PDB file of N, CA and C in Angstrom:
ATOM      1  N   MET A   1      56.648 136.226  43.147  1.00  0.00           N
ATOM      2  CA  MET A   1      56.434 135.060  42.031  1.00  0.00           C
ATOM      3  C   MET A   1      57.496 133.837  41.518  1.00  0.00           C
ATOM      4  N   LEU A   2      57.197 133.132  40.645  1.00  0.00           N
ATOM      5  CA  LEU A   2      57.798 131.713  41.201  1.00  0.00           C
ATOM      6  C   LEU A   2      59.455 131.905  41.077  1.00  0.00           C
ATOM      7  N   ILE A   3      59.287 132.144  39.799  1.00  0.00           N
ATOM      8  CA  ILE A   3      61.166 132.651  39.266  1.00  0.00           C
ATOM      9  C   ILE A   3      61.722 133.133  40.565  1.00  0.00           C
ATOM     10  N   LEU A   4      60.781 134.399  40.855  1.00  0.00           N
ATOM     11  CA  LEU A   4      61.917 134.627  42.507  1.00  0.00           C
ATOM     12  C   LEU A   4      62.099 133.976  43.668  1.00  0.00           C
ATOM     13  N   ASP A   5      60.962 133.120  43.588  1.00  0.00           N
ATOM     14  CA  ASP A   5      60.928 132.045  44.693  1.00  0.00           C
ATOM     15  C   ASP A   5      61.963 130.695  44.664  1.00  0.00           C
ATOM     16  N   TYR A   6      62.136 130.796  42.883  1.00  0.00           N
ATOM     17  CA  TYR A   6      63.129 129.313  42.652  1.00  0.00           C
ATOM     18  C   TYR A   6      64.515 130.107  42.940  1.00  0.00           C
ATOM     19  N   PHE A   7      64.766 131.000  42.547  1.00  0.00           N
ATOM     20  CA  PHE A   7      66.235 131.567  42.346  1.00  0.00           C
ATOM     21  C   PHE A   7      66.680 132.492  44.151  1.00  0.00           C
ATOM     22  N   ASP A   8      65.381 132.306  45.175  1.00  0.00           N
ATOM     23  CA  ASP A   8      65.394 132.993  46.311  1.00  0.00           C
ATOM     24  C   ASP A   8      66.213 134.232  45.896  1.00  0.00           C
ATOM     25  N   LEU A   9      65.806 135.150  45.047  1.00  0.00           N
ATOM     26  CA  LEU A   9      66.128 136.753  44.308  1.00  0.00           C
ATOM     27  C   LEU A   9      64.550 137.915  45.341  1.00  0.00           C
ATOM     28  N   SER A  10      65.346 138.449  45.390  1.00  0.00           N
ATOM     29  CA  SER A  10      63.992 139.880  45.387  1.00  0.00           C
ATOM     30  C   SER A  10      64.625 140.830  44.644  1.00  0.00           C
ATOM     31  N   PHE A  11      63.543 141.960  44.301  1.00  0.00           N
ATOM     32  CA  PHE A  11      63.670 142.572  42.896  1.00  0.00           C
ATOM     33  C   PHE A  11      64.839 143.671  43.223  1.00  0.00           C
ATOM     34  N   SER A  12      65.755 143.686  44.493  1.00  0.00           N
ATOM     35  CA  SER A  12      66.722 144.637  45.125  1.00  0.00           C
ATOM     36  C   SER A  12      67.979 143.761  43.711  1.00  0.00           C
ATOM     37  N   GLU A  13      68.171 142.506  44.101  1.00  0.00           N
ATOM     38  CA  GLU A  13      69.282 141.550  43.230  1.00  0.00           C
ATOM     39  C   GLU A  13      69.431 141.639  42.067  1.00  0.00           C
ATOM     40  N   ILE A  14      68.555 142.299  41.451  1.00  0.00           N
ATOM     41  CA  ILE A  14      68.244 142.037  39.817  1.00  0.00           C
ATOM     42  C   ILE A  14      69.099 143.747  39.530  1.00  0.00           C
ATOM     43  N   ASP A  15      69.957 142.742  38.321  1.00  0.00           N
ATOM     44  CA  ASP A  15      70.670 144.088  37.913  1.00  0.00           C
ATOM     45  C   ASP A  15      70.620 144.046  36.443  1.00  0.00           C
ATOM     46  N   PRO A  16      70.959 144.664  35.317  1.00  0.00           N
ATOM     47  CA  PRO A  16      71.313 144.927  34.608  1.00  0.00           C
ATOM     48  C   PRO A  16      71.911 144.222  34.219  1.00  0.00           C
ATOM     49  N   THR A  17      73.351 143.542  34.387  1.00  0.00           N
ATOM     50  CA  THR A  17      74.681 142.977  33.867  1.00  0.00           C
ATOM     51  C   THR A  17      74.128 141.435  34.064  1.00  0.00           C
ATOM     52  N   TRP A  18      72.908 140.901  34.801  1.00  0.00           N
ATOM     53  CA  TRP A  18      72.854 140.274  34.843  1.00  0.00           C
ATOM     54  C   TRP A  18      71.780 139.694  33.144  1.00  0.00           C
ATOM     55  N   VAL A  19      70.194 140.572  33.371  1.00  0.00           N
ATOM     56  CA  VAL A  19      70.030 140.477  31.987  1.00  0.00           C
ATOM     57  C   VAL A  19      70.553 140.887  30.612  1.00  0.00           C
ATOM     58  N   ALA A  20      71.978 141.660  30.598  1.00  0.00           N
ATOM     59  CA  ALA A  20      72.638 141.342  29.516  1.00  0.00           C
ATOM     60  C   ALA A  20      73.445 140.066  29.319  1.00  0.00           C
ATOM     61  N   ALA A  21      73.983 139.497  30.576  1.00  0.00           N
ATOM     62  CA  ALA A  21      74.366 138.112  29.957  1.00  0.00           C
ATOM     63  C   ALA A  21      73.358 137.158  29.545  1.00  0.00           C
ATOM     64  N   ASN A  22      72.254 137.186  30.157  1.00  0.00           N
ATOM     65  CA  ASN A  22      71.502 136.516  29.631  1.00  0.00           C
ATOM     66  C   ASN A  22      71.150 136.484  28.063  1.00  0.00           C
ATOM     67  N   TRP A  23      71.317 137.646  27.488  1.00  0.00           N
ATOM     68  CA  TRP A  23      70.743 138.277  26.453  1.00  0.00           C
ATOM     69  C   TRP A  23      72.067 137.852  25.488  1.00  0.00           C
ATOM     70  N   LEU A  24      73.343 137.596  25.949  1.00  0.00           N
ATOM     71  CA  LEU A  24      74.291 137.187  24.991  1.00  0.00           C
ATOM     72  C   LEU A  24      74.991 135.662  25.064  1.00  0.00           C
ATOM     73  N   LEU A  25      73.942 135.283  26.237  1.00  0.00           N
ATOM     74  CA  LEU A  25      73.895 133.391  25.713  1.00  0.00           C
ATOM     75  C   LEU A  25      72.684 133.494  24.814  1.00  0.00           C
ATOM     76  N   ALA A  26      71.955 133.992  25.035  1.00  0.00           N
ATOM     77  CA  ALA A  26      70.778 133.505  24.202  1.00  0.00           C
ATOM     78  C   ALA A  26      71.038 133.929  22.600  1.00  0.00           C
ATOM     79  N   ARG A  27      71.971 134.314  22.085  1.00  0.00           N
ATOM     80  CA  ARG A  27      72.395 134.591  21.066  1.00  0.00           C
ATOM     81  C   ARG A  27      73.366 134.175  20.382  1.00  0.00           C
ATOM     82  N   THR A  28      74.497 133.162  21.846  1.00  0.00           N
ATOM     83  CA  THR A  28      75.926 132.836  21.122  1.00  0.00           C
ATOM     84  C   THR A  28      75.034 131.513  20.126  1.00  0.00           C
ATOM     85  N   PRO A  29      76.057 131.628  18.751  1.00  0.00           N
ATOM     86  CA  PRO A  29      75.677 131.013  17.620  1.00  0.00           C
ATOM     87  C   PRO A  29      76.132 129.606  17.947  1.00  0.00           C
ATOM     88  N   TYR A  30      77.032 129.307  18.990  1.00  0.00           N
ATOM     89  CA  TYR A  30      77.385 127.478  18.933  1.00  0.00           C
ATOM     90  C   TYR A  30      76.623 126.902  20.029  1.00  0.00           C
ATOM     91  N   MET A  31      75.985 127.478  20.969  1.00  0.00           N
ATOM     92  CA  MET A  31      75.037 126.787  21.744  1.00  0.00           C
ATOM     93  C   MET A  31      73.890 125.883  20.987  1.00  0.00           C
ATOM     94  N   HIS A  32      73.875 125.001  22.338  1.00  0.00           N
ATOM     95  CA  HIS A  32      72.460 123.856  21.396  1.00  0.00           C
ATOM     96  C   HIS A  32      70.866 124.688  21.579  1.00  0.00           C
ATOM     97  N   GLN A  33      70.064 124.656  20.827  1.00  0.00           N
ATOM     98  CA  GLN A  33      69.054 125.018  20.470  1.00  0.00           C
ATOM     99  C   GLN A  33      68.472 124.950  21.570  1.00  0.00           C
ATOM    100  N   ASN A  34      68.190 124.152  22.465  1.00  0.00           N
ATOM    101  CA  ASN A  34      67.472 123.841  23.844  1.00  0.00           C
ATOM    102  C   ASN A  34      68.014 125.068  24.994  1.00  0.00           C
ATOM    103  N   LEU A  35      69.062 125.238  24.686  1.00  0.00           N
ATOM    104  CA  LEU A  35      69.644 125.687  25.775  1.00  0.00           C
ATOM    105  C   LEU A  35      69.472 127.533  24.982  1.00  0.00           C
ATOM    106  N   THR A  36      69.315 127.805  24.272  1.00  0.00           N
ATOM    107  CA  THR A  36      69.362 129.402  23.668  1.00  0.00           C
ATOM    108  C   THR A  36      67.839 129.495  23.657  1.00  0.00           C
ATOM    109  N   VAL A  37      66.934 128.903  23.581  1.00  0.00           N
ATOM    110  CA  VAL A  37      65.548 129.118  23.843  1.00  0.00           C
ATOM    111  C   VAL A  37      65.289 129.517  25.667  1.00  0.00           C
ATOM    112  N   LEU A  38      65.626 128.839  25.826  1.00  0.00           N
ATOM    113  CA  LEU A  38      65.996 128.594  27.609  1.00  0.00           C
ATOM    114  C   LEU A  38      66.575 130.194  27.887  1.00  0.00           C
ATOM    115  N   ALA A  39      67.397 130.323  27.268  1.00  0.00           N
ATOM    116  CA  ALA A  39      68.098 131.910  27.841  1.00  0.00           C
ATOM    117  C   ALA A  39      67.519 132.490  27.150  1.00  0.00           C
ATOM    118  N   GLU A  40      66.512 132.827  25.957  1.00  0.00           N
ATOM    119  CA  GLU A  40      65.682 133.886  25.523  1.00  0.00           C
ATOM    120  C   GLU A  40      65.033 133.811  26.904  1.00  0.00           C
ATOM    121  N   ILE A  41      64.379 133.171  27.313  1.00  0.00           N
ATOM    122  CA  ILE A  41      62.869 132.880  28.088  1.00  0.00           C
ATOM    123  C   ILE A  41      63.363 133.990  28.991  1.00  0.00           C
ATOM    124  N   PHE A  42      64.869 133.634  29.706  1.00  0.00           N
ATOM    125  CA  PHE A  42      65.078 134.077  30.680  1.00  0.00           C
ATOM    126  C   PHE A  42      65.603 135.866  30.630  1.00  0.00           C
ATOM    127  N   PHE A  43      65.790 136.202  29.101  1.00  0.00           N
ATOM    128  CA  PHE A  43      66.165 137.239  28.792  1.00  0.00           C
ATOM    129  C   PHE A  43      64.819 138.368  28.965  1.00  0.00           C
ATOM    130  N   VAL A  44      63.745 137.864  28.435  1.00  0.00           N
ATOM    131  CA  VAL A  44      62.594 138.269  28.199  1.00  0.00           C
ATOM    132  C   VAL A  44      62.100 138.701  30.240  1.00  0.00           C
ATOM    133  N   VAL A  45      62.168 137.458  30.398  1.00  0.00           N
ATOM    134  CA  VAL A  45      61.491 137.252  32.027  1.00  0.00           C
ATOM    135  C   VAL A  45      62.531 138.668  32.994  1.00  0.00           C
ATOM    136  N   ASN A  46      63.718 138.547  32.659  1.00  0.00           N
ATOM    137  CA  ASN A  46      64.588 139.737  33.368  1.00  0.00           C
ATOM    138  C   ASN A  46      64.404 140.939  33.227  1.00  0.00           C
ATOM    139  N   THR A  47      64.273 140.939  31.793  1.00  0.00           N
ATOM    140  CA  THR A  47      63.773 142.247  30.956  1.00  0.00           C
ATOM    141  C   THR A  47      62.463 143.360  31.359  1.00  0.00           C
ATOM    142  N   VAL A  48      61.506 142.037  31.618  1.00  0.00           N
ATOM    143  CA  VAL A  48      60.226 142.182  32.390  1.00  0.00           C
ATOM    144  C   VAL A  48      60.533 143.043  33.713  1.00  0.00           C
ATOM    145  N   LEU A  49      61.020 142.090  34.515  1.00  0.00           N
ATOM    146  CA  LEU A  49      61.456 142.393  36.029  1.00  0.00           C
ATOM    147  C   LEU A  49      61.864 143.775  36.242  1.00  0.00           C
ATOM    148  N   LEU A  50      63.346 143.962  35.372  1.00  0.00           N
ATOM    149  CA  LEU A  50      63.569 145.506  35.473  1.00  0.00           C
ATOM    150  C   LEU A  50      63.029 146.044  34.859  1.00  0.00           C
ATOM    151  N   ALA A  51      62.082 146.266  34.381  1.00  0.00           N
ATOM    152  CA  ALA A  51      60.953 147.268  33.865  1.00  0.00           C
ATOM    153  C   ALA A  51      60.104 147.358  35.491  1.00  0.00           C
ATOM    154  N   ILE A  52      59.710 146.450  35.397  1.00  0.00           N
ATOM    155  CA  ILE A  52      59.218 146.577  36.680  1.00  0.00           C
ATOM    156  C   ILE A  52      59.554 147.098  38.444  1.00  0.00           C
ATOM    157  N   LYS A  53      60.701 146.948  38.291  1.00  0.00           N
ATOM    158  CA  LYS A  53      62.020 147.287  39.065  1.00  0.00           C
ATOM    159  C   LYS A  53      62.202 148.828  39.266  1.00  0.00           C
ATOM    160  N   LEU A  54      62.429 149.299  38.357  1.00  0.00           N
ATOM    161  CA  LEU A  54      62.450 151.066  37.800  1.00  0.00           C
ATOM    162  C   LEU A  54      61.473 151.785  38.021  1.00  0.00           C
ATOM    163  N   LYS A  55      59.911 151.447  37.280  1.00  0.00           N
ATOM    164  CA  LYS A  55      59.254 152.106  37.515  1.00  0.00           C
ATOM    165  C   LYS A  55      58.871 153.121  37.386  1.00  0.00           C
ATOM    166  N   ARG A  56      59.435 153.009  35.320  1.00  0.00           N
ATOM    167  CA  ARG A  56      59.379 154.024  34.845  1.00  0.00           C
ATOM    168  C   ARG A  56      57.928 154.910  34.227  1.00  0.00           C
ATOM    169  N   GLY A  57      57.084 153.412  34.133  1.00  0.00           N
ATOM    170  CA  GLY A  57      56.063 153.672  33.795  1.00  0.00           C
ATOM    171  C   GLY A  57      56.035 152.994  32.449  1.00  0.00           C
ATOM    172  N   VAL A  58      56.644 151.927  32.450  1.00  0.00           N
ATOM    173  CA  VAL A  58      56.343 151.486  31.500  1.00  0.00           C
ATOM    174  C   VAL A  58      55.473 149.908  31.637  1.00  0.00           C
ATOM    175  N   ALA A  59      54.740 149.952  31.090  1.00  0.00           N
ATOM    176  CA  ALA A  59      53.896 148.579  31.161  1.00  0.00           C
ATOM    177  C   ALA A  59      54.473 146.914  30.361  1.00  0.00           C
ATOM    178  N   VAL A  60      54.122 145.894  31.239  1.00  0.00           N
ATOM    179  CA  VAL A  60      54.896 144.773  30.885  1.00  0.00           C
ATOM    180  C   VAL A  60      54.388 144.435  29.419  1.00  0.00           C
ATOM    181  N   LEU A  61      52.867 144.956  28.706  1.00  0.00           N
ATOM    182  CA  LEU A  61      52.925 144.422  27.607  1.00  0.00           C
ATOM    183  C   LEU A  61      53.837 145.296  26.451  1.00  0.00           C
ATOM    184  N   ASP A  62      53.974 146.673  26.699  1.00  0.00           N
ATOM    185  CA  ASP A  62      54.326 147.537  26.155  1.00  0.00           C
ATOM    186  C   ASP A  62      56.394 146.798  26.214  1.00  0.00           C
ATOM    187  N   VAL A  63      57.000 146.500  27.174  1.00  0.00           N
ATOM    188  CA  VAL A  63      58.185 145.563  27.028  1.00  0.00           C
ATOM    189  C   VAL A  63      58.043 144.616  26.140  1.00  0.00           C
ATOM    190  N   LEU A  64      56.930 143.768  26.511  1.00  0.00           N
ATOM    191  CA  LEU A  64      56.883 142.953  25.254  1.00  0.00           C
ATOM    192  C   LEU A  64      56.889 143.072  23.919  1.00  0.00           C
ATOM    193  N   THR A  65      56.054 143.876  23.643  1.00  0.00           N
ATOM    194  CA  THR A  65      55.788 144.745  22.118  1.00  0.00           C
ATOM    195  C   THR A  65      56.982 144.903  22.008  1.00  0.00           C
ATOM    196  N   ALA A  66      57.829 145.506  22.364  1.00  0.00           N
ATOM    197  CA  ALA A  66      58.588 145.983  22.286  1.00  0.00           C
ATOM    198  C   ALA A  66      60.238 144.859  21.926  1.00  0.00           C
ATOM    199  N   LEU A  67      60.248 144.001  23.168  1.00  0.00           N
ATOM    200  CA  LEU A  67      60.953 142.952  22.260  1.00  0.00           C
ATOM    201  C   LEU A  67      60.675 142.213  21.460  1.00  0.00           C
ATOM    202  N   GLN A  68      59.803 142.287  20.867  1.00  0.00           N
ATOM    203  CA  GLN A  68      59.432 141.401  19.699  1.00  0.00           C
ATOM    204  C   GLN A  68      59.670 142.602  18.321  1.00  0.00           C
ATOM    205  N   GLY A  69      59.915 143.837  18.897  1.00  0.00           N
ATOM    206  CA  GLY A  69      60.118 144.189  17.296  1.00  0.00           C
ATOM    207  C   GLY A  69      59.261 145.343  17.134  1.00  0.00           C
ATOM    208  N   SER A  70      57.459 145.298  17.630  1.00  0.00           N
ATOM    209  CA  SER A  70      56.504 145.499  16.910  1.00  0.00           C
ATOM    210  C   SER A  70      56.371 146.869  17.508  1.00  0.00           C
ATOM    211  N   GLU A  71      55.396 147.848  16.899  1.00  0.00           N
ATOM    212  CA  GLU A  71      55.729 148.919  17.337  1.00  0.00           C
ATOM    213  C   GLU A  71      54.480 149.216  18.182  1.00  0.00           C
ATOM    214  N   VAL A  72      54.731 150.419  19.043  1.00  0.00           N
ATOM    215  CA  VAL A  72      53.620 150.175  20.746  1.00  0.00           C
ATOM    216  C   VAL A  72      52.530 151.061  20.531  1.00  0.00           C
ATOM    217  N   GLU A  73      50.950 150.800  20.496  1.00  0.00           N
ATOM    218  CA  GLU A  73      50.247 151.704  20.011  1.00  0.00           C
ATOM    219  C   GLU A  73      50.148 152.130  21.277  1.00  0.00           C
ATOM    220  N   THR A  74      49.262 153.706  21.560  1.00  0.00           N
ATOM    221  CA  THR A  74      48.965 154.497  22.505  1.00  0.00           C
ATOM    222  C   THR A  74      47.596 154.371  22.786  1.00  0.00           C
ATOM    223  N   VAL A  75      46.837 154.651  23.478  1.00  0.00           N
ATOM    224  CA  VAL A  75      45.483 154.453  23.644  1.00  0.00           C
ATOM    225  C   VAL A  75      44.940 155.586  24.620  1.00  0.00           C
ATOM    226  N   SER A  76      44.410 156.202  24.042  1.00  0.00           N
ATOM    227  CA  SER A  76      44.022 157.897  24.715  1.00  0.00           C
ATOM    228  C   SER A  76      43.201 156.962  25.581  1.00  0.00           C
ATOM    229  N   LYS A  77      43.203 157.888  26.816  1.00  0.00           N
ATOM    230  CA  LYS A  77      42.316 157.814  28.262  1.00  0.00           C
ATOM    231  C   LYS A  77      40.910 158.584  27.814  1.00  0.00           C
ATOM    232  N   PRO A  78      39.794 158.058  28.324  1.00  0.00           N
ATOM    233  CA  PRO A  78      38.795 159.062  27.979  1.00  0.00           C
ATOM    234  C   PRO A  78      38.552 160.720  28.571  1.00  0.00           C
ATOM    235  N   GLU A  79      39.208 160.437  29.760  1.00  0.00           N
ATOM    236  CA  GLU A  79      38.659 161.641  30.010  1.00  0.00           C
ATOM    237  C   GLU A  79      39.858 162.802  29.108  1.00  0.00           C
ATOM    238  N   GLU A  80      41.014 162.690  28.701  1.00  0.00           N
ATOM    239  CA  GLU A  80      41.689 163.180  27.425  1.00  0.00           C
ATOM    240  C   GLU A  80      40.650 163.716  26.595  1.00  0.00           C
ATOM    241  N   ASP A  81      39.826 162.450  26.021  1.00  0.00           N
ATOM    242  CA  ASP A  81      39.397 163.085  24.841  1.00  0.00           C
ATOM    243  C   ASP A  81      38.010 163.651  25.561  1.00  0.00           C
ATOM    244  N   ALA A  82      37.385 163.742  26.483  1.00  0.00           N
ATOM    245  CA  ALA A  82      36.710 164.889  26.760  1.00  0.00           C
ATOM    246  C   ALA A  82      36.992 165.904  27.264  1.00  0.00           C
ATOM    247  N   PHE A  83      38.237 166.517  27.531  1.00  0.00           N
ATOM    248  CA  PHE A  83      38.830 167.150  27.228  1.00  0.00           C
ATOM    249  C   PHE A  83      38.858 168.294  26.069  1.00  0.00           C
ATOM    250  N   ALA A  84      39.053 167.372  25.421  1.00  0.00           N
ATOM    251  CA  ALA A  84      40.056 167.886  24.094  1.00  0.00           C
ATOM    252  C   ALA A  84      39.198 168.745  23.118  1.00  0.00           C
ATOM    253  N   ARG A  85      37.477 168.440  24.101  1.00  0.00           N
ATOM    254  CA  ARG A  85      36.083 168.826  22.999  1.00  0.00           C
ATOM    255  C   ARG A  85      36.180 170.177  23.119  1.00  0.00           C
ATOM    256  N   PHE A  86      36.552 171.075  24.494  1.00  0.00           N
ATOM    257  CA  PHE A  86      36.072 172.105  24.870  1.00  0.00           C
ATOM    258  C   PHE A  86      37.406 172.904  24.224  1.00  0.00           C
TER     259      PHE A  86
END
């Protein structure tokens, strides 16, 4: 990915501390508005990368939806519906 290439990072080097630091940076009230927006973007990107790294079955869309404060809708699979009828 472009961000990983730019910072010369691999998935093994991304840790929750980095994500937490970006989260705090994004919410500092005395920071200039442009830096706040940039920090918020980094927080979202780092959170998505961390979710992918952990491989806990969290879809990227679910992470982004959770970050926006919306509820995540679950969609049943067609084969589950077929077995439910019997």
